[in-house]
Amino acid sequence: MGSPGIAVPSLVALHREFGVGLVVTQPDRPSGRGRAESTPAVKRAAVELGIPVHQPGRLRTEESLRPLKTLAPDFIVVLAYGEMLSREVLGLPRVAPVNAHMSLLPRHRGPSPVSAAILAGDSETGVTTMRITRKMDEGPVYLVDRVAISSSDNAETLASRLAPAAAALLVKTVHGILDGTLKETPQGDEATYCRLIGKSDGRIDWTAGADRIERM
């Protein structure tokens, strides 16, 4: 389950290593000034790999869940899918629902962790794999990979380094769960949260410090 380009390396790596039976991604939607139909990057990659694609508006109805139930998956693996999963979906995989989150959890839980790390002035971030629970990004951790943030990084350049790190970590995580070498570790108490970044967040407060403005 994933939608944007940062999830494509993980799809490719998981399919190469284990075989992916189904890709679930967001529907095609109008985008840009011309409102042309835009296809999620993960869908384009799945079509090239010959993997069936499912694009429900929301995973809530019996019809939207039927392809997943029919597949009866061992794992559901999520990276930037774009929807909180219901208890019913989380109960479908035989082994585990696994998520790769692009921060050092419990720091920067939420939908914009890459941008949040830069805006906060963090010197490093990374990827955390965890078992998915019903609370946002609060599940027990499997593995962590740390990635340094340089002074020249923006969200795009940082995400371009995190994406392959997430792919490698997910493959390692699935192998570790299957062979019993990975244990789930509860997250710490020092949690921070980020929200979805919108267009209004691009407005600069010129009374802020130069370091804050540069990070924006």
C-alpha atoms as a PDB file:
ATOM      1  CA  MET A   1       0.000   0.000   0.000  1.00  0.00           C
ATOM      2  CA  GLY A   2       1.541   3.273  -1.157  1.00  0.00           C
ATOM      3  CA  SER A   3       0.992   6.154  -3.529  1.00  0.00           C
ATOM      4  CA  PRO A   4       3.820   8.680  -4.189  1.00  0.00           C
ATOM      5  CA  GLY A   5       7.214   8.173  -5.801  1.00  0.00           C
ATOM      6  CA  ILE A   6       9.007   7.673  -2.473  1.00  0.00           C
ATOM      7  CA  ALA A   7       7.177   4.333  -2.117  1.00  0.00           C
ATOM      8  CA  VAL A   8       8.274   2.966  -5.508  1.00  0.00           C
ATOM      9  CA  PRO A   9      11.735   1.673  -4.437  1.00  0.00           C
ATOM     10  CA  SER A  10      10.055  -0.281  -1.637  1.00  0.00           C
ATOM     11  CA  LEU A  11       7.529  -1.826  -4.026  1.00  0.00           C
ATOM     12  CA  VAL A  12      10.285  -2.854  -6.432  1.00  0.00           C
ATOM     13  CA  ALA A  13      12.485  -4.298  -3.670  1.00  0.00           C
ATOM     14  CA  LEU A  14       9.655  -6.221  -1.988  1.00  0.00           C
ATOM     15  CA  HIS A  15       8.436  -7.632  -5.294  1.00  0.00           C
ATOM     16  CA  ARG A  16      11.956  -8.720  -6.252  1.00  0.00           C
ATOM     17  CA  GLU A  17      12.536 -10.383  -2.871  1.00  0.00           C
ATOM     18  CA  PHE A  18       9.146 -11.913  -2.026  1.00  0.00           C
ATOM     19  CA  GLY A  19       6.635 -11.313  -4.794  1.00  0.00           C
ATOM     20  CA  VAL A  20       3.836  -8.763  -4.296  1.00  0.00           C
ATOM     21  CA  GLY A  21       0.353 -10.106  -4.963  1.00  0.00           C
ATOM     22  CA  LEU A  22      -1.549  -6.810  -5.017  1.00  0.00           C
ATOM     23  CA  VAL A  23      -0.823  -3.082  -4.971  1.00  0.00           C
ATOM     24  CA  VAL A  24      -3.334  -0.821  -3.219  1.00  0.00           C
ATOM     25  CA  THR A  25      -2.965   2.865  -4.052  1.00  0.00           C
ATOM     26  CA  GLN A  26      -4.992   6.062  -4.198  1.00  0.00           C
ATOM     27  CA  PRO A  27      -7.345   6.679  -7.165  1.00  0.00           C
ATOM     28  CA  ASP A  28      -6.249   8.669 -10.203  1.00  0.00           C
ATOM     29  CA  ARG A  29      -7.171  12.302  -9.531  1.00  0.00           C
ATOM     30  CA  PRO A  30      -7.064  15.675 -11.340  1.00  0.00           C
ATOM     31  CA  SER A  31      -3.843  17.551 -10.603  1.00  0.00           C
ATOM     32  CA  GLY A  32      -2.113  20.824 -11.506  1.00  0.00           C
ATOM     33  CA  ARG A  33      -3.476  23.937 -13.147  1.00  0.00           C
ATOM     34  CA  GLY A  34      -4.851  22.046 -16.120  1.00  0.00           C
ATOM     35  CA  ARG A  35      -6.578  19.535 -13.776  1.00  0.00           C
ATOM     36  CA  ALA A  36      -5.350  16.666 -15.936  1.00  0.00           C
ATOM     37  CA  GLU A  37      -5.793  13.164 -14.564  1.00  0.00           C
ATOM     38  CA  SER A  38      -2.773  12.196 -12.467  1.00  0.00           C
ATOM     39  CA  THR A  39      -1.811   8.572 -11.801  1.00  0.00           C
ATOM     40  CA  PRO A  40      -0.026   7.635  -8.545  1.00  0.00           C
ATOM     41  CA  ALA A  41       3.638   6.755  -9.123  1.00  0.00           C
ATOM     42  CA  VAL A  42       3.130   3.448  -7.331  1.00  0.00           C
ATOM     43  CA  LYS A  43       0.412   2.463  -9.789  1.00  0.00           C
ATOM     44  CA  ARG A  44       2.667   3.199 -12.754  1.00  0.00           C
ATOM     45  CA  ALA A  45       5.421   1.066 -11.227  1.00  0.00           C
ATOM     46  CA  ALA A  46       3.005  -1.768 -10.450  1.00  0.00           C
ATOM     47  CA  VAL A  47       1.724  -1.831 -14.031  1.00  0.00           C
ATOM     48  CA  GLU A  48       5.312  -2.059 -15.314  1.00  0.00           C
ATOM     49  CA  LEU A  49       5.965  -4.942 -12.907  1.00  0.00           C
ATOM     50  CA  GLY A  50       2.765  -6.737 -13.923  1.00  0.00           C
ATOM     51  CA  ILE A  51       1.219  -6.551 -10.434  1.00  0.00           C
ATOM     52  CA  PRO A  52      -2.592  -6.185 -10.083  1.00  0.00           C
ATOM     53  CA  VAL A  53      -3.649  -2.731  -8.833  1.00  0.00           C
ATOM     54  CA  HIS A  54      -6.582  -1.806  -6.588  1.00  0.00           C
ATOM     55  CA  GLN A  55      -7.591   1.873  -6.245  1.00  0.00           C
ATOM     56  CA  PRO A  56     -10.490   2.235  -3.789  1.00  0.00           C
ATOM     57  CA  GLY A  57     -11.726   5.667  -2.798  1.00  0.00           C
ATOM     58  CA  ARG A  58     -11.601   4.431   0.797  1.00  0.00           C
ATOM     59  CA  LEU A  59     -10.963   0.989   2.274  1.00  0.00           C
ATOM     60  CA  ARG A  60     -14.228   0.865   4.201  1.00  0.00           C
ATOM     61  CA  THR A  61     -16.852  -0.980   2.164  1.00  0.00           C
ATOM     62  CA  GLU A  62     -17.163  -4.710   1.571  1.00  0.00           C
ATOM     63  CA  GLU A  63     -16.565  -4.125  -2.137  1.00  0.00           C
ATOM     64  CA  SER A  64     -13.356  -2.165  -1.500  1.00  0.00           C
ATOM     65  CA  LEU A  65     -12.058  -4.875   0.862  1.00  0.00           C
ATOM     66  CA  ARG A  66     -12.901  -7.843  -1.355  1.00  0.00           C
ATOM     67  CA  PRO A  67      -9.608  -7.940  -3.344  1.00  0.00           C
ATOM     68  CA  LEU A  68      -7.633  -7.967  -0.089  1.00  0.00           C
ATOM     69  CA  LYS A  69      -9.783 -10.656   1.480  1.00  0.00           C
ATOM     70  CA  THR A  70      -9.547 -12.779  -1.659  1.00  0.00           C
ATOM     71  CA  LEU A  71      -5.761 -12.485  -1.663  1.00  0.00           C
ATOM     72  CA  ALA A  72      -5.484 -13.450   2.044  1.00  0.00           C
ATOM     73  CA  PRO A  73      -2.016 -11.866   2.342  1.00  0.00           C
ATOM     74  CA  ASP A  74       0.812 -12.901   4.644  1.00  0.00           C
ATOM     75  CA  PHE A  75       1.815  -9.241   5.033  1.00  0.00           C
ATOM     76  CA  ILE A  76       0.361  -5.842   4.351  1.00  0.00           C
ATOM     77  CA  VAL A  77       3.236  -3.390   3.880  1.00  0.00           C
ATOM     78  CA  VAL A  78       2.494   0.339   3.932  1.00  0.00           C
ATOM     79  CA  LEU A  79       4.534   3.388   2.932  1.00  0.00           C
ATOM     80  CA  ALA A  80       2.811   6.738   2.327  1.00  0.00           C
ATOM     81  CA  TYR A  81      -0.535   5.227   1.320  1.00  0.00           C
ATOM     82  CA  GLY A  82      -2.662   8.172   2.423  1.00  0.00           C
ATOM     83  CA  GLU A  83      -5.364   6.614   4.633  1.00  0.00           C
ATOM     84  CA  MET A  84      -5.596   5.402   8.216  1.00  0.00           C
ATOM     85  CA  LEU A  85      -6.349   1.681   8.070  1.00  0.00           C
ATOM     86  CA  SER A  86      -9.339   0.194   9.838  1.00  0.00           C
ATOM     87  CA  ARG A  87      -9.180  -2.576  12.418  1.00  0.00           C
ATOM     88  CA  GLU A  88     -10.623  -4.939   9.799  1.00  0.00           C
ATOM     89  CA  VAL A  89      -7.803  -4.221   7.323  1.00  0.00           C
ATOM     90  CA  LEU A  90      -5.134  -4.570  10.006  1.00  0.00           C
ATOM     91  CA  GLY A  91      -6.550  -7.986  10.894  1.00  0.00           C
ATOM     92  CA  LEU A  92      -6.285  -9.370   7.339  1.00  0.00           C
ATOM     93  CA  PRO A  93      -2.569 -10.294   7.042  1.00  0.00           C
ATOM     94  CA  ARG A  94      -1.630 -13.724   8.369  1.00  0.00           C
ATOM     95  CA  VAL A  95       1.703 -12.508   9.784  1.00  0.00           C
ATOM     96  CA  ALA A  96       1.688  -8.712  10.270  1.00  0.00           C
ATOM     97  CA  PRO A  97       0.735  -5.284   8.952  1.00  0.00           C
ATOM     98  CA  VAL A  98       4.057  -3.410   8.611  1.00  0.00           C
ATOM     99  CA  ASN A  99       4.694   0.286   8.028  1.00  0.00           C
ATOM    100  CA  ALA A 100       7.844   2.179   7.043  1.00  0.00           C
ATOM    101  CA  HIS A 101       7.739   5.715   8.464  1.00  0.00           C
ATOM    102  CA  MET A 102      10.292   8.296   7.353  1.00  0.00           C
ATOM    103  CA  SER A 103      11.413   9.575  10.740  1.00  0.00           C
ATOM    104  CA  LEU A 104      13.105   8.330  13.896  1.00  0.00           C
ATOM    105  CA  LEU A 105       9.964   7.403  15.789  1.00  0.00           C
ATOM    106  CA  PRO A 106       8.529   8.497  18.138  1.00  0.00           C
ATOM    107  CA  ARG A 107       9.767  11.829  16.713  1.00  0.00           C
ATOM    108  CA  HIS A 108       7.636  13.323  13.920  1.00  0.00           C
ATOM    109  CA  ARG A 109       4.656  11.006  13.935  1.00  0.00           C
ATOM    110  CA  GLY A 110       2.167  12.096  11.312  1.00  0.00           C
ATOM    111  CA  PRO A 111       1.832  12.787   7.578  1.00  0.00           C
ATOM    112  CA  SER A 112       4.803  15.120   6.816  1.00  0.00           C
ATOM    113  CA  PRO A 113       7.822  13.700   8.664  1.00  0.00           C
ATOM    114  CA  VAL A 114      10.461  14.591   6.043  1.00  0.00           C
ATOM    115  CA  SER A 115       9.521  18.271   5.953  1.00  0.00           C
ATOM    116  CA  ALA A 116       9.017  18.318   9.726  1.00  0.00           C
ATOM    117  CA  ALA A 117      12.596  17.152  10.369  1.00  0.00           C
ATOM    118  CA  ILE A 118      14.010  19.939   8.192  1.00  0.00           C
ATOM    119  CA  LEU A 119      11.753  22.615   9.685  1.00  0.00           C
ATOM    120  CA  ALA A 120      12.745  21.518  13.195  1.00  0.00           C
ATOM    121  CA  GLY A 121      16.440  21.895  12.382  1.00  0.00           C
ATOM    122  CA  ASP A 122      17.174  18.218  13.118  1.00  0.00           C
ATOM    123  CA  SER A 123      20.684  17.038  12.266  1.00  0.00           C
ATOM    124  CA  GLU A 124      19.451  13.556  11.397  1.00  0.00           C
ATOM    125  CA  THR A 125      16.319  11.638  10.586  1.00  0.00           C
ATOM    126  CA  GLY A 126      15.796   8.169   9.184  1.00  0.00           C
ATOM    127  CA  VAL A 127      13.346   5.345   8.566  1.00  0.00           C
ATOM    128  CA  THR A 128      11.515   3.300  11.187  1.00  0.00           C
ATOM    129  CA  THR A 129       9.671   0.061  10.471  1.00  0.00           C
ATOM    130  CA  MET A 130       6.898  -0.891  12.876  1.00  0.00           C
ATOM    131  CA  ARG A 131       3.813  -3.020  13.324  1.00  0.00           C
ATOM    132  CA  ILE A 132       0.771  -0.906  12.426  1.00  0.00           C
ATOM    133  CA  THR A 133      -1.787  -0.257  15.161  1.00  0.00           C
ATOM    134  CA  ARG A 134      -4.964   1.803  15.171  1.00  0.00           C
ATOM    135  CA  LYS A 135      -3.192   4.869  16.592  1.00  0.00           C
ATOM    136  CA  MET A 136      -1.164   7.016  14.221  1.00  0.00           C
ATOM    137  CA  ASP A 137       2.468   5.867  14.013  1.00  0.00           C
ATOM    138  CA  GLU A 138       2.409   4.499  17.582  1.00  0.00           C
ATOM    139  CA  GLY A 139       3.037   0.819  16.858  1.00  0.00           C
ATOM    140  CA  PRO A 140       5.968  -1.166  18.247  1.00  0.00           C
ATOM    141  CA  VAL A 141       9.235  -0.760  16.344  1.00  0.00           C
ATOM    142  CA  TYR A 142      11.093  -3.437  14.379  1.00  0.00           C
ATOM    143  CA  LEU A 143      14.127  -1.655  12.892  1.00  0.00           C
ATOM    144  CA  VAL A 144      15.601   1.842  12.487  1.00  0.00           C
ATOM    145  CA  ASP A 145      18.021   3.266   9.907  1.00  0.00           C
ATOM    146  CA  ARG A 146      19.501   6.731  10.539  1.00  0.00           C
ATOM    147  CA  VAL A 147      20.151   9.271   7.765  1.00  0.00           C
ATOM    148  CA  ALA A 148      22.033  12.557   8.229  1.00  0.00           C
ATOM    149  CA  ILE A 149      20.408  15.852   7.171  1.00  0.00           C
ATOM    150  CA  SER A 150      22.802  18.250   5.427  1.00  0.00           C
ATOM    151  CA  SER A 151      22.498  22.041   5.485  1.00  0.00           C
ATOM    152  CA  SER A 152      21.675  21.985   1.755  1.00  0.00           C
ATOM    153  CA  ASP A 153      18.862  19.423   2.010  1.00  0.00           C
ATOM    154  CA  ASN A 154      15.282  20.207   1.107  1.00  0.00           C
ATOM    155  CA  ALA A 155      12.340  17.831   1.401  1.00  0.00           C
ATOM    156  CA  GLU A 156      12.894  16.448  -2.106  1.00  0.00           C
ATOM    157  CA  THR A 157      16.615  15.708  -1.736  1.00  0.00           C
ATOM    158  CA  LEU A 158      16.157  14.217   1.721  1.00  0.00           C
ATOM    159  CA  ALA A 159      13.260  12.014   0.582  1.00  0.00           C
ATOM    160  CA  SER A 160      15.379  10.801  -2.352  1.00  0.00           C
ATOM    161  CA  ARG A 161      17.857   9.342   0.168  1.00  0.00           C
ATOM    162  CA  LEU A 162      15.216   8.039   2.555  1.00  0.00           C
ATOM    163  CA  ALA A 163      13.301   6.142  -0.149  1.00  0.00           C
ATOM    164  CA  PRO A 164      16.011   3.530  -0.891  1.00  0.00           C
ATOM    165  CA  ALA A 165      16.776   3.284   2.827  1.00  0.00           C
ATOM    166  CA  ALA A 166      13.115   2.437   3.449  1.00  0.00           C
ATOM    167  CA  ALA A 167      13.181  -0.217   0.710  1.00  0.00           C
ATOM    168  CA  ALA A 168      16.214  -1.952   2.204  1.00  0.00           C
ATOM    169  CA  LEU A 169      14.828  -1.738   5.734  1.00  0.00           C
ATOM    170  CA  LEU A 170      11.451  -3.195   4.739  1.00  0.00           C
ATOM    171  CA  VAL A 171      13.079  -6.199   3.078  1.00  0.00           C
ATOM    172  CA  LYS A 172      15.235  -6.732   6.162  1.00  0.00           C
ATOM    173  CA  THR A 173      12.182  -6.345   8.410  1.00  0.00           C
ATOM    174  CA  VAL A 174      10.043  -8.878   6.573  1.00  0.00           C
ATOM    175  CA  HIS A 175      12.907 -11.395   6.557  1.00  0.00           C
ATOM    176  CA  GLY A 176      13.482 -10.814  10.275  1.00  0.00           C
ATOM    177  CA  ILE A 177       9.828 -11.324  11.157  1.00  0.00           C
ATOM    178  CA  LEU A 178       9.644 -14.514   9.100  1.00  0.00           C
ATOM    179  CA  ASP A 179      12.774 -16.069  10.579  1.00  0.00           C
ATOM    180  CA  GLY A 180      11.954 -14.967  14.127  1.00  0.00           C
ATOM    181  CA  THR A 181      15.052 -12.821  14.676  1.00  0.00           C
ATOM    182  CA  LEU A 182      13.172  -9.526  15.120  1.00  0.00           C
ATOM    183  CA  LYS A 183      11.442  -8.497  18.320  1.00  0.00           C
ATOM    184  CA  GLU A 184       8.923  -5.675  18.629  1.00  0.00           C
ATOM    185  CA  THR A 185      10.118  -2.783  20.819  1.00  0.00           C
ATOM    186  CA  PRO A 186       7.645  -0.257  22.281  1.00  0.00           C
ATOM    187  CA  GLN A 187       8.263   3.339  21.276  1.00  0.00           C
ATOM    188  CA  GLY A 188       9.561   5.821  23.833  1.00  0.00           C
ATOM    189  CA  ASP A 189       7.528   8.556  25.494  1.00  0.00           C
ATOM    190  CA  GLU A 190       9.154  11.590  23.829  1.00  0.00           C
ATOM    191  CA  ALA A 191       6.726  11.720  20.911  1.00  0.00           C
ATOM    192  CA  THR A 192       6.297  14.704  18.613  1.00  0.00           C
ATOM    193  CA  TYR A 193       3.648  15.107  15.900  1.00  0.00           C
ATOM    194  CA  CYS A 194       3.579  16.821  12.514  1.00  0.00           C
ATOM    195  CA  ARG A 195       0.594  17.802  10.437  1.00  0.00           C
ATOM    196  CA  LEU A 196      -0.067  17.775   6.710  1.00  0.00           C
ATOM    197  CA  ILE A 197       1.704  20.730   5.097  1.00  0.00           C
ATOM    198  CA  GLY A 198      -0.453  22.992   2.944  1.00  0.00           C
ATOM    199  CA  LYS A 199       0.045  25.885   0.566  1.00  0.00           C
ATOM    200  CA  SER A 200      -0.405  28.434   3.360  1.00  0.00           C
ATOM    201  CA  ASP A 201       2.682  27.016   5.083  1.00  0.00           C
ATOM    202  CA  GLY A 202       4.759  28.580   2.320  1.00  0.00           C
ATOM    203  CA  ARG A 203       4.083  32.087   3.658  1.00  0.00           C
ATOM    204  CA  ILE A 204       7.259  33.308   5.336  1.00  0.00           C
ATOM    205  CA  ASP A 205       7.181  35.161   8.639  1.00  0.00           C
ATOM    206  CA  TRP A 206       9.904  37.756   8.057  1.00  0.00           C
ATOM    207  CA  THR A 207      10.143  38.429  11.794  1.00  0.00           C
ATOM    208  CA  ALA A 208      11.427  34.875  12.294  1.00  0.00           C
ATOM    209  CA  GLY A 209      15.136  34.116  12.601  1.00  0.00           C
ATOM    210  CA  ALA A 210      17.266  33.661   9.484  1.00  0.00           C
ATOM    211  CA  ASP A 211      17.798  29.951  10.273  1.00  0.00           C
ATOM    212  CA  ARG A 212      14.036  29.331  10.410  1.00  0.00           C
ATOM    213  CA  ILE A 213      13.456  31.169   7.121  1.00  0.00           C
ATOM    214  CA  GLU A 214      16.279  29.256   5.427  1.00  0.00           C
ATOM    215  CA  ARG A 215      14.787  25.933   6.509  1.00  0.00           C
ATOM    216  CA  MET A 216      11.396  26.971   5.123  1.00  0.00           C
END
